[in-house]
Amino acid sequence: MAPGGVPEPYGRVEGFQLHGLAVRAAGVRQHMADALQRHHAWIREHGVDMPEVTDWTWDG
């Protein structure tokens, strides 16, 4: 693992660490961890996925 828990293929380029990228991505990683925790709690309480998951559609 590279700094910030970034897997090696994304944390190093030709031996140079992308520490700045890991620092900038910390907020995104935390947001995703929080969303996963909320989703896990929802599933345990309701037994189904959250509406934002079940109602999601691909607009592409």
N, C-alpha and C. Protein backbone atom coordinates (compact mmCIF):
# COMPACT_ATOMS: atom_id res chain seq x y z
N MET A 1 0.84 -1.18 0.00
CA MET A 1 0.00 0.00 0.00
C MET A 1 0.88 1.25 0.00
N ALA A 2 0.43 2.23 -0.70
CA ALA A 2 1.09 3.52 -0.72
C ALA A 2 0.49 4.38 0.39
N PRO A 3 1.01 5.58 0.62
CA PRO A 3 0.45 6.45 1.66
C PRO A 3 -1.05 6.66 1.48
N GLY A 4 -1.75 6.74 2.58
CA GLY A 4 -3.19 6.97 2.54
C GLY A 4 -3.99 5.72 2.22
N GLY A 5 -3.36 4.55 2.24
CA GLY A 5 -4.08 3.32 1.97
C GLY A 5 -4.41 3.10 0.50
N VAL A 6 -3.74 3.83 -0.39
CA VAL A 6 -3.99 3.70 -1.82
C VAL A 6 -3.26 2.47 -2.33
N PRO A 7 -3.95 1.58 -3.07
CA PRO A 7 -3.27 0.40 -3.59
C PRO A 7 -2.08 0.78 -4.46
N GLU A 8 -1.05 -0.03 -4.45
CA GLU A 8 0.21 0.27 -5.14
C GLU A 8 0.05 0.74 -6.58
N PRO A 9 -0.77 0.09 -7.43
CA PRO A 9 -0.82 0.56 -8.81
C PRO A 9 -1.23 2.03 -8.93
N TYR A 10 -1.99 2.53 -7.97
CA TYR A 10 -2.44 3.90 -8.02
C TYR A 10 -1.61 4.81 -7.12
N GLY A 11 -0.84 4.24 -6.24
CA GLY A 11 -0.06 5.02 -5.30
C GLY A 11 1.35 5.30 -5.75
N ARG A 12 1.81 4.63 -6.80
CA ARG A 12 3.18 4.84 -7.27
C ARG A 12 3.18 4.90 -8.80
N VAL A 13 3.99 5.77 -9.32
CA VAL A 13 4.23 5.85 -10.75
C VAL A 13 5.72 5.88 -10.95
N GLU A 14 6.26 4.85 -11.56
CA GLU A 14 7.70 4.75 -11.80
C GLU A 14 8.50 5.04 -10.54
N GLY A 15 8.02 4.50 -9.40
CA GLY A 15 8.76 4.64 -8.15
C GLY A 15 8.46 5.91 -7.37
N PHE A 16 7.70 6.84 -7.92
CA PHE A 16 7.38 8.08 -7.20
C PHE A 16 6.00 7.94 -6.56
N GLN A 17 5.91 8.29 -5.30
CA GLN A 17 4.63 8.21 -4.61
C GLN A 17 3.75 9.39 -5.01
N LEU A 18 2.47 9.12 -5.15
CA LEU A 18 1.50 10.17 -5.46
C LEU A 18 0.83 10.62 -4.16
N HIS A 19 1.64 11.02 -3.21
CA HIS A 19 1.13 11.38 -1.89
C HIS A 19 0.11 12.51 -1.99
N GLY A 20 0.34 13.50 -2.84
CA GLY A 20 -0.60 14.61 -2.99
C GLY A 20 -1.98 14.13 -3.41
N LEU A 21 -2.01 13.16 -4.31
CA LEU A 21 -3.29 12.62 -4.76
C LEU A 21 -4.00 11.92 -3.61
N ALA A 22 -3.25 11.16 -2.82
CA ALA A 22 -3.85 10.47 -1.67
C ALA A 22 -4.43 11.46 -0.68
N VAL A 23 -3.73 12.56 -0.46
CA VAL A 23 -4.22 13.58 0.47
C VAL A 23 -5.49 14.22 -0.07
N ARG A 24 -5.49 14.56 -1.36
CA ARG A 24 -6.67 15.20 -1.95
C ARG A 24 -7.86 14.24 -2.00
N ALA A 25 -7.59 12.95 -2.10
CA ALA A 25 -8.67 11.97 -2.20
C ALA A 25 -9.22 11.55 -0.83
N ALA A 26 -8.61 12.00 0.24
CA ALA A 26 -9.03 11.58 1.58
C ALA A 26 -10.50 11.88 1.84
N GLY A 27 -10.97 13.03 1.41
CA GLY A 27 -12.37 13.40 1.60
C GLY A 27 -13.31 12.47 0.86
N VAL A 28 -12.93 12.09 -0.35
CA VAL A 28 -13.75 11.18 -1.14
C VAL A 28 -13.78 9.80 -0.49
N ARG A 29 -12.62 9.33 -0.04
CA ARG A 29 -12.57 8.03 0.64
C ARG A 29 -13.45 8.04 1.88
N GLN A 30 -13.42 9.13 2.66
CA GLN A 30 -14.23 9.21 3.87
C GLN A 30 -15.71 9.24 3.52
N HIS A 31 -16.08 9.99 2.47
CA HIS A 31 -17.47 10.06 2.03
C HIS A 31 -17.97 8.67 1.64
N MET A 32 -17.17 7.91 0.92
CA MET A 32 -17.55 6.56 0.50
C MET A 32 -17.65 5.62 1.70
N ALA A 33 -16.73 5.73 2.65
CA ALA A 33 -16.78 4.89 3.85
C ALA A 33 -18.04 5.20 4.66
N ASP A 34 -18.39 6.49 4.77
CA ASP A 34 -19.61 6.89 5.49
C ASP A 34 -20.85 6.36 4.79
N ALA A 35 -20.88 6.45 3.45
CA ALA A 35 -22.03 5.96 2.69
C ALA A 35 -22.19 4.45 2.87
N LEU A 36 -21.09 3.73 2.86
CA LEU A 36 -21.14 2.28 3.06
C LEU A 36 -21.65 1.93 4.45
N GLN A 37 -21.23 2.70 5.45
CA GLN A 37 -21.69 2.47 6.82
C GLN A 37 -23.20 2.76 6.94
N ARG A 38 -23.67 3.86 6.33
CA ARG A 38 -25.11 4.18 6.35
C ARG A 38 -25.90 3.07 5.66
N HIS A 39 -25.39 2.60 4.53
CA HIS A 39 -26.09 1.56 3.78
C HIS A 39 -26.16 0.26 4.58
N HIS A 40 -25.07 -0.10 5.22
CA HIS A 40 -25.05 -1.32 6.04
C HIS A 40 -26.08 -1.22 7.17
N ALA A 41 -26.13 -0.06 7.84
CA ALA A 41 -27.09 0.13 8.93
C ALA A 41 -28.53 0.05 8.41
N TRP A 42 -28.77 0.64 7.23
CA TRP A 42 -30.11 0.62 6.63
C TRP A 42 -30.54 -0.82 6.34
N ILE A 43 -29.65 -1.58 5.74
CA ILE A 43 -29.96 -2.97 5.39
C ILE A 43 -30.27 -3.78 6.65
N ARG A 44 -29.51 -3.58 7.70
CA ARG A 44 -29.74 -4.34 8.94
C ARG A 44 -31.09 -3.98 9.56
N GLU A 45 -31.51 -2.72 9.41
CA GLU A 45 -32.79 -2.30 9.99
C GLU A 45 -33.98 -2.67 9.11
N HIS A 46 -33.85 -2.48 7.78
CA HIS A 46 -34.98 -2.64 6.88
C HIS A 46 -34.97 -3.93 6.06
N GLY A 47 -33.82 -4.57 5.97
CA GLY A 47 -33.73 -5.82 5.22
C GLY A 47 -33.65 -5.68 3.71
N VAL A 48 -33.60 -4.46 3.22
CA VAL A 48 -33.49 -4.21 1.77
C VAL A 48 -32.52 -3.05 1.56
N ASP A 49 -32.10 -2.88 0.29
CA ASP A 49 -31.22 -1.76 -0.03
C ASP A 49 -31.91 -0.42 0.21
N MET A 50 -31.10 0.61 0.38
CA MET A 50 -31.62 1.97 0.54
C MET A 50 -32.32 2.41 -0.74
N PRO A 51 -33.30 3.31 -0.66
CA PRO A 51 -33.97 3.80 -1.87
C PRO A 51 -33.00 4.39 -2.89
N GLU A 52 -31.96 5.06 -2.44
CA GLU A 52 -31.02 5.64 -3.41
C GLU A 52 -30.30 4.56 -4.22
N VAL A 53 -30.27 3.34 -3.71
CA VAL A 53 -29.68 2.22 -4.45
C VAL A 53 -30.74 1.58 -5.34
N THR A 54 -31.89 1.25 -4.77
CA THR A 54 -32.92 0.55 -5.55
C THR A 54 -33.54 1.44 -6.62
N ASP A 55 -33.57 2.75 -6.41
CA ASP A 55 -34.17 3.67 -7.37
C ASP A 55 -33.17 4.22 -8.38
N TRP A 56 -31.90 3.83 -8.26
CA TRP A 56 -30.88 4.35 -9.15
C TRP A 56 -31.08 3.84 -10.57
N THR A 57 -30.89 4.72 -11.55
CA THR A 57 -30.94 4.32 -12.96
C THR A 57 -29.75 4.91 -13.68
N TRP A 58 -29.37 4.26 -14.77
CA TRP A 58 -28.27 4.74 -15.61
C TRP A 58 -28.85 5.70 -16.63
N ASP A 59 -28.39 6.94 -16.61
CA ASP A 59 -28.91 7.95 -17.53
C ASP A 59 -28.08 8.05 -18.80
N GLY A 60 -27.03 7.24 -18.92
CA GLY A 60 -26.12 7.33 -20.05
C GLY A 60 -26.64 6.71 -21.24
